[in-house]
PDB file of N, CA and C in Angstrom:
ATOM      1  N   MET A   1      21.166  30.908  97.116  1.00  0.00           N
ATOM      2  CA  MET A   1      21.110  31.479  98.448  1.00  0.00           C
ATOM      3  C   MET A   1      19.663  31.797  98.785  1.00  0.00           C
ATOM      4  N   ALA A   2      19.206  31.388  99.959  1.00  0.00           N
ATOM      5  CA  ALA A   2      17.840  31.647 100.397  1.00  0.00           C
ATOM      6  C   ALA A   2      17.852  32.688 101.508  1.00  0.00           C
ATOM      7  N   LEU A   3      17.024  33.697 101.348  1.00  0.00           N
ATOM      8  CA  LEU A   3      16.903  34.736 102.354  1.00  0.00           C
ATOM      9  C   LEU A   3      15.519  34.625 102.976  1.00  0.00           C
ATOM     10  N   GLY A   4      15.433  34.271 104.269  1.00  0.00           N
ATOM     11  CA  GLY A   4      14.152  34.121 104.945  1.00  0.00           C
ATOM     12  C   GLY A   4      13.618  35.455 105.430  1.00  0.00           C
ATOM     13  N   GLN A   5      12.303  35.598 105.382  1.00  0.00           N
ATOM     14  CA  GLN A   5      11.627  36.807 105.835  1.00  0.00           C
ATOM     15  C   GLN A   5      10.793  36.489 107.076  1.00  0.00           C
ATOM     16  N   GLN A   6      10.407  37.507 107.814  1.00  0.00           N
ATOM     17  CA  GLN A   6       9.615  37.304 109.027  1.00  0.00           C
ATOM     18  C   GLN A   6       8.246  36.698 108.742  1.00  0.00           C
ATOM     19  N   ASP A   7       7.713  36.903 107.558  1.00  0.00           N
ATOM     20  CA  ASP A   7       6.395  36.365 107.222  1.00  0.00           C
ATOM     21  C   ASP A   7       6.450  34.915 106.744  1.00  0.00           C
ATOM     22  N   GLY A   8       7.637  34.309 106.800  1.00  0.00           N
ATOM     23  CA  GLY A   8       7.792  32.915 106.389  1.00  0.00           C
ATOM     24  C   GLY A   8       8.151  32.735 104.933  1.00  0.00           C
ATOM     25  N   SER A   9       8.285  33.827 104.210  1.00  0.00           N
ATOM     26  CA  SER A   9       8.653  33.713 102.795  1.00  0.00           C
ATOM     27  C   SER A   9      10.163  33.639 102.637  1.00  0.00           C
ATOM     28  N   PHE A  10      10.576  33.137 101.488  1.00  0.00           N
ATOM     29  CA  PHE A  10      11.994  33.020 101.166  1.00  0.00           C
ATOM     30  C   PHE A  10      12.234  33.584  99.781  1.00  0.00           C
ATOM     31  N   GLU A  11      13.384  34.171  99.607  1.00  0.00           N
ATOM     32  CA  GLU A  11      13.810  34.665  98.310  1.00  0.00           C
ATOM     33  C   GLU A  11      15.088  33.932  97.942  1.00  0.00           C
ATOM     34  N   PHE A  12      15.076  33.301  96.782  1.00  0.00           N
ATOM     35  CA  PHE A  12      16.244  32.576  96.299  1.00  0.00           C
ATOM     36  C   PHE A  12      16.859  33.363  95.152  1.00  0.00           C
ATOM     37  N   LYS A  13      18.155  33.552  95.203  1.00  0.00           N
ATOM     38  CA  LYS A  13      18.862  34.260  94.139  1.00  0.00           C
ATOM     39  C   LYS A  13      19.909  33.336  93.529  1.00  0.00           C
ATOM     40  N   GLY A  14      20.161  33.526  92.254  1.00  0.00           N
ATOM     41  CA  GLY A  14      21.193  32.750  91.579  1.00  0.00           C
ATOM     42  C   GLY A  14      20.792  31.313  91.305  1.00  0.00           C
ATOM     43  N   VAL A  15      19.493  31.050  91.173  1.00  0.00           N
ATOM     44  CA  VAL A  15      19.009  29.693  90.901  1.00  0.00           C
ATOM     45  C   VAL A  15      19.077  29.444  89.395  1.00  0.00           C
ATOM     46  N   ALA A  16      19.662  28.340  89.016  1.00  0.00           N
ATOM     47  CA  ALA A  16      19.822  28.004  87.602  1.00  0.00           C
ATOM     48  C   ALA A  16      18.476  27.702  86.947  1.00  0.00           C
ATOM     49  N   PRO A  17      18.297  28.089  85.681  1.00  0.00           N
ATOM     50  CA  PRO A  17      17.075  27.725  84.953  1.00  0.00           C
ATOM     51  C   PRO A  17      16.921  26.206  84.928  1.00  0.00           C
ATOM     52  N   HIS A  18      15.730  25.738  85.273  1.00  0.00           N
ATOM     53  CA  HIS A  18      15.515  24.293  85.358  1.00  0.00           C
ATOM     54  C   HIS A  18      14.068  24.047  85.772  1.00  0.00           C
ATOM     55  N   ASP A  19      13.645  22.791  85.748  1.00  0.00           N
ATOM     56  CA  ASP A  19      12.359  22.368  86.308  1.00  0.00           C
ATOM     57  C   ASP A  19      12.618  21.932  87.742  1.00  0.00           C
ATOM     58  N   TYR A  20      11.794  22.396  88.662  1.00  0.00           N
ATOM     59  CA  TYR A  20      11.981  22.104  90.085  1.00  0.00           C
ATOM     60  C   TYR A  20      10.706  21.566  90.706  1.00  0.00           C
ATOM     61  N   LYS A  21      10.875  20.783  91.770  1.00  0.00           N
ATOM     62  CA  LYS A  21       9.777  20.339  92.630  1.00  0.00           C
ATOM     63  C   LYS A  21      10.058  20.922  94.001  1.00  0.00           C
ATOM     64  N   LEU A  22       9.094  21.683  94.537  1.00  0.00           N
ATOM     65  CA  LEU A  22       9.287  22.394  95.796  1.00  0.00           C
ATOM     66  C   LEU A  22       8.427  21.802  96.895  1.00  0.00           C
ATOM     67  N   LEU A  23       9.006  21.683  98.075  1.00  0.00           N
ATOM     68  CA  LEU A  23       8.314  21.180  99.258  1.00  0.00           C
ATOM     69  C   LEU A  23       8.650  22.065 100.446  1.00  0.00           C
ATOM     70  N   SER A  24       7.735  22.144 101.396  1.00  0.00           N
ATOM     71  CA  SER A  24       7.956  22.929 102.606  1.00  0.00           C
ATOM     72  C   SER A  24       7.425  22.155 103.804  1.00  0.00           C
ATOM     73  N   TRP A  25       8.279  21.948 104.816  1.00  0.00           N
ATOM     74  CA  TRP A  25       7.890  21.228 106.020  1.00  0.00           C
ATOM     75  C   TRP A  25       7.816  22.169 107.216  1.00  0.00           C
ATOM     76  N   GLU A  26       6.867  21.897 108.086  1.00  0.00           N
ATOM     77  CA  GLU A  26       6.780  22.615 109.354  1.00  0.00           C
ATOM     78  C   GLU A  26       8.009  22.312 110.203  1.00  0.00           C
ATOM     79  N   ASP A  27       8.395  21.043 110.226  1.00  0.00           N
ATOM     80  CA  ASP A  27       9.554  20.607 110.996  1.00  0.00           C
ATOM     81  C   ASP A  27       9.989  19.250 110.454  1.00  0.00           C
ATOM     82  N   THR A  28      11.269  19.029 110.413  1.00  0.00           N
ATOM     83  CA  THR A  28      11.808  17.746 109.969  1.00  0.00           C
ATOM     84  C   THR A  28      13.231  17.618 110.492  1.00  0.00           C
ATOM     85  N   GLN A  29      13.757  16.420 110.473  1.00  0.00           N
ATOM     86  CA  GLN A  29      15.124  16.222 110.937  1.00  0.00           C
ATOM     87  C   GLN A  29      16.098  16.922 110.000  1.00  0.00           C
ATOM     88  N   GLN A  30      17.144  17.455 110.558  1.00  0.00           N
ATOM     89  CA  GLN A  30      18.145  18.156 109.775  1.00  0.00           C
ATOM     90  C   GLN A  30      18.702  17.233 108.683  1.00  0.00           C
ATOM     91  N   GLY A  31      18.716  17.723 107.459  1.00  0.00           N
ATOM     92  CA  GLY A  31      19.264  16.972 106.338  1.00  0.00           C
ATOM     93  C   GLY A  31      18.325  15.941 105.737  1.00  0.00           C
ATOM     94  N   ALA A  32      17.124  15.762 106.302  1.00  0.00           N
ATOM     95  CA  ALA A  32      16.198  14.742 105.789  1.00  0.00           C
ATOM     96  C   ALA A  32      15.849  14.983 104.332  1.00  0.00           C
ATOM     97  N   TYR A  33      15.795  16.236 103.921  1.00  0.00           N
ATOM     98  CA  TYR A  33      15.441  16.563 102.538  1.00  0.00           C
ATOM     99  C   TYR A  33      16.484  16.086 101.528  1.00  0.00           C
ATOM    100  N   GLN A  34      17.626  15.635 101.996  1.00  0.00           N
ATOM    101  CA  GLN A  34      18.659  15.107 101.099  1.00  0.00           C
ATOM    102  C   GLN A  34      18.543  13.591 100.934  1.00  0.00           C
ATOM    103  N   ASP A  35      17.621  12.964 101.644  1.00  0.00           N
ATOM    104  CA  ASP A  35      17.408  11.517 101.614  1.00  0.00           C
ATOM    105  C   ASP A  35      16.305  11.189 100.608  1.00  0.00           C
ATOM    106  N   THR A  36      16.649  10.491  99.525  1.00  0.00           N
ATOM    107  CA  THR A  36      15.665  10.200  98.487  1.00  0.00           C
ATOM    108  C   THR A  36      14.492   9.363  98.992  1.00  0.00           C
ATOM    109  N   GLN A  37      14.727   8.466  99.937  1.00  0.00           N
ATOM    110  CA  GLN A  37      13.630   7.670 100.497  1.00  0.00           C
ATOM    111  C   GLN A  37      12.651   8.555 101.272  1.00  0.00           C
ATOM    112  N   PHE A  38      13.183   9.512 102.017  1.00  0.00           N
ATOM    113  CA  PHE A  38      12.338  10.463 102.742  1.00  0.00           C
ATOM    114  C   PHE A  38      11.508  11.287 101.753  1.00  0.00           C
ATOM    115  N   LEU A  39      12.137  11.789 100.699  1.00  0.00           N
ATOM    116  CA  LEU A  39      11.448  12.632  99.726  1.00  0.00           C
ATOM    117  C   LEU A  39      10.346  11.884  98.983  1.00  0.00           C
ATOM    118  N   LYS A  40      10.539  10.607  98.720  1.00  0.00           N
ATOM    119  CA  LYS A  40       9.530   9.823  97.996  1.00  0.00           C
ATOM    120  C   LYS A  40       8.182   9.835  98.707  1.00  0.00           C
ATOM    121  N   GLN A  41       8.177   9.915 100.037  1.00  0.00           N
ATOM    122  CA  GLN A  41       6.931   9.949 100.815  1.00  0.00           C
ATOM    123  C   GLN A  41       6.088  11.176 100.480  1.00  0.00           C
ATOM    124  N   PHE A  42       6.736  12.248 100.038  1.00  0.00           N
ATOM    125  CA  PHE A  42       6.064  13.527  99.863  1.00  0.00           C
ATOM    126  C   PHE A  42       6.014  13.997  98.405  1.00  0.00           C
ATOM    127  N   GLU A  43       6.511  13.193  97.490  1.00  0.00           N
ATOM    128  CA  GLU A  43       6.603  13.607  96.093  1.00  0.00           C
ATOM    129  C   GLU A  43       5.263  14.073  95.517  1.00  0.00           C
ATOM    130  N   SER A  44       4.176  13.433  95.899  1.00  0.00           N
ATOM    131  CA  SER A  44       2.864  13.814  95.370  1.00  0.00           C
ATOM    132  C   SER A  44       2.413  15.188  95.870  1.00  0.00           C
ATOM    133  N   ARG A  45       3.028  15.696  96.915  1.00  0.00           N
ATOM    134  CA  ARG A  45       2.666  17.009  97.465  1.00  0.00           C
ATOM    135  C   ARG A  45       3.546  18.140  96.930  1.00  0.00           C
ATOM    136  N   ALA A  46       4.511  17.809  96.102  1.00  0.00           N
ATOM    137  CA  ALA A  46       5.443  18.822  95.599  1.00  0.00           C
ATOM    138  C   ALA A  46       4.760  19.779  94.627  1.00  0.00           C
ATOM    139  N   GLU A  47       5.141  21.020  94.706  1.00  0.00           N
ATOM    140  CA  GLU A  47       4.693  22.043  93.757  1.00  0.00           C
ATOM    141  C   GLU A  47       5.747  22.098  92.644  1.00  0.00           C
ATOM    142  N   GLU A  48       5.332  21.824  91.423  1.00  0.00           N
ATOM    143  CA  GLU A  48       6.268  21.822  90.313  1.00  0.00           C
ATOM    144  C   GLU A  48       6.310  23.203  89.672  1.00  0.00           C
ATOM    145  N   THR A  49       7.517  23.638  89.333  1.00  0.00           N
ATOM    146  CA  THR A  49       7.684  24.931  88.682  1.00  0.00           C
ATOM    147  C   THR A  49       8.899  24.883  87.764  1.00  0.00           C
ATOM    148  N   SER A  50       8.888  25.720  86.762  1.00  0.00           N
ATOM    149  CA  SER A  50      10.014  25.854  85.839  1.00  0.00           C
ATOM    150  C   SER A  50      10.545  27.271  85.927  1.00  0.00           C
ATOM    151  N   LEU A  51      11.848  27.391  85.983  1.00  0.00           N
ATOM    152  CA  LEU A  51      12.479  28.705  85.990  1.00  0.00           C
ATOM    153  C   LEU A  51      13.222  28.913  84.686  1.00  0.00           C
ATOM    154  N   GLN A  52      13.039  30.090  84.122  1.00  0.00           N
ATOM    155  CA  GLN A  52      13.751  30.493  82.919  1.00  0.00           C
ATOM    156  C   GLN A  52      14.805  31.527  83.303  1.00  0.00           C
ATOM    157  N   GLU A  53      15.760  31.738  82.463  1.00  0.00           N
ATOM    158  CA  GLU A  53      16.819  32.700  82.730  1.00  0.00           C
ATOM    159  C   GLU A  53      16.245  34.114  82.859  1.00  0.00           C
ATOM    160  N   ASN A  54      16.733  34.856  83.848  1.00  0.00           N
ATOM    161  CA  ASN A  54      16.362  36.257  84.084  1.00  0.00           C
ATOM    162  C   ASN A  54      14.875  36.456  84.351  1.00  0.00           C
ATOM    163  N   THR A  55      14.260  35.535  85.098  1.00  0.00           N
ATOM    164  CA  THR A  55      12.846  35.688  85.447  1.00  0.00           C
ATOM    165  C   THR A  55      12.674  35.775  86.947  1.00  0.00           C
ATOM    166  N   HIS A  56      11.514  36.241  87.352  1.00  0.00           N
ATOM    167  CA  HIS A  56      11.119  36.337  88.753  1.00  0.00           C
ATOM    168  C   HIS A  56       9.833  35.546  88.889  1.00  0.00           C
ATOM    169  N   LYS A  57       9.729  34.724  89.912  1.00  0.00           N
ATOM    170  CA  LYS A  57       8.543  33.890  90.075  1.00  0.00           C
ATOM    171  C   LYS A  57       8.153  33.831  91.538  1.00  0.00           C
ATOM    172  N   VAL A  58       6.852  33.867  91.793  1.00  0.00           N
ATOM    173  CA  VAL A  58       6.318  33.696  93.140  1.00  0.00           C
ATOM    174  C   VAL A  58       5.566  32.372  93.166  1.00  0.00           C
ATOM    175  N   VAL A  59       5.896  31.524  94.133  1.00  0.00           N
ATOM    176  CA  VAL A  59       5.247  30.221  94.271  1.00  0.00           C
ATOM    177  C   VAL A  59       4.788  30.080  95.713  1.00  0.00           C
ATOM    178  N   SER A  60       3.526  29.728  95.914  1.00  0.00           N
ATOM    179  CA  SER A  60       2.996  29.486  97.254  1.00  0.00           C
ATOM    180  C   SER A  60       2.994  27.984  97.510  1.00  0.00           C
ATOM    181  N   LEU A  61       3.501  27.604  98.677  1.00  0.00           N
ATOM    182  CA  LEU A  61       3.573  26.187  99.028  1.00  0.00           C
ATOM    183  C   LEU A  61       2.679  25.880 100.203  1.00  0.00           C
ATOM    184  N   LYS A  62       2.126  24.682 100.211  1.00  0.00           N
ATOM    185  CA  LYS A  62       1.387  24.187 101.370  1.00  0.00           C
ATOM    186  C   LYS A  62       2.397  23.530 102.290  1.00  0.00           C
ATOM    187  N   VAL A  63       2.397  23.950 103.546  1.00  0.00           N
ATOM    188  CA  VAL A  63       3.353  23.408 104.520  1.00  0.00           C
ATOM    189  C   VAL A  63       2.925  21.996 104.902  1.00  0.00           C
ATOM    190  N   ILE A  64       3.877  21.078 104.904  1.00  0.00           N
ATOM    191  CA  ILE A  64       3.638  19.706 105.347  1.00  0.00           C
ATOM    192  C   ILE A  64       3.830  19.699 106.859  1.00  0.00           C
ATOM    193  N   LEU A  65       2.786  19.348 107.573  1.00  0.00           N
ATOM    194  CA  LEU A  65       2.830  19.367 109.032  1.00  0.00           C
ATOM    195  C   LEU A  65       3.768  18.294 109.572  1.00  0.00           C
ATOM    196  N   ALA A  66       4.318  18.542 110.751  1.00  0.00           N
ATOM    197  CA  ALA A  66       5.325  17.676 111.349  1.00  0.00           C
ATOM    198  C   ALA A  66       4.835  16.230 111.528  1.00  0.00           C
ATOM    199  N   ASP A  67       3.553  16.044 111.779  1.00  0.00           N
ATOM    200  CA  ASP A  67       3.018  14.691 112.008  1.00  0.00           C
ATOM    201  C   ASP A  67       2.474  14.038 110.739  1.00  0.00           C
ATOM    202  N   SER A  68       2.744  14.618 109.565  1.00  0.00           N
ATOM    203  CA  SER A  68       2.269  14.078 108.283  1.00  0.00           C
ATOM    204  C   SER A  68       3.241  13.068 107.703  1.00  0.00           C
ATOM    205  N   LYS A  69       2.701  12.103 106.977  1.00  0.00           N
ATOM    206  CA  LYS A  69       3.521  11.146 106.214  1.00  0.00           C
ATOM    207  C   LYS A  69       2.824  10.824 104.943  1.00  0.00           C
TER     208      LYS A  69
END
């Protein structure tokens, strides 16, 4: 579950321990992030992070602008 804040931050709770790649877009078509071909365009910009059980982590992401590819 993601809880958005007024400052643009999000808090995720109940995330399983795993290695993740995180991306943030200024604007994109609804559901585009579920399309593997769409994601491949931005894979090099992903922030990689690992979550362990019972940990708290802060990750800052660079927003991908709407006109970027």
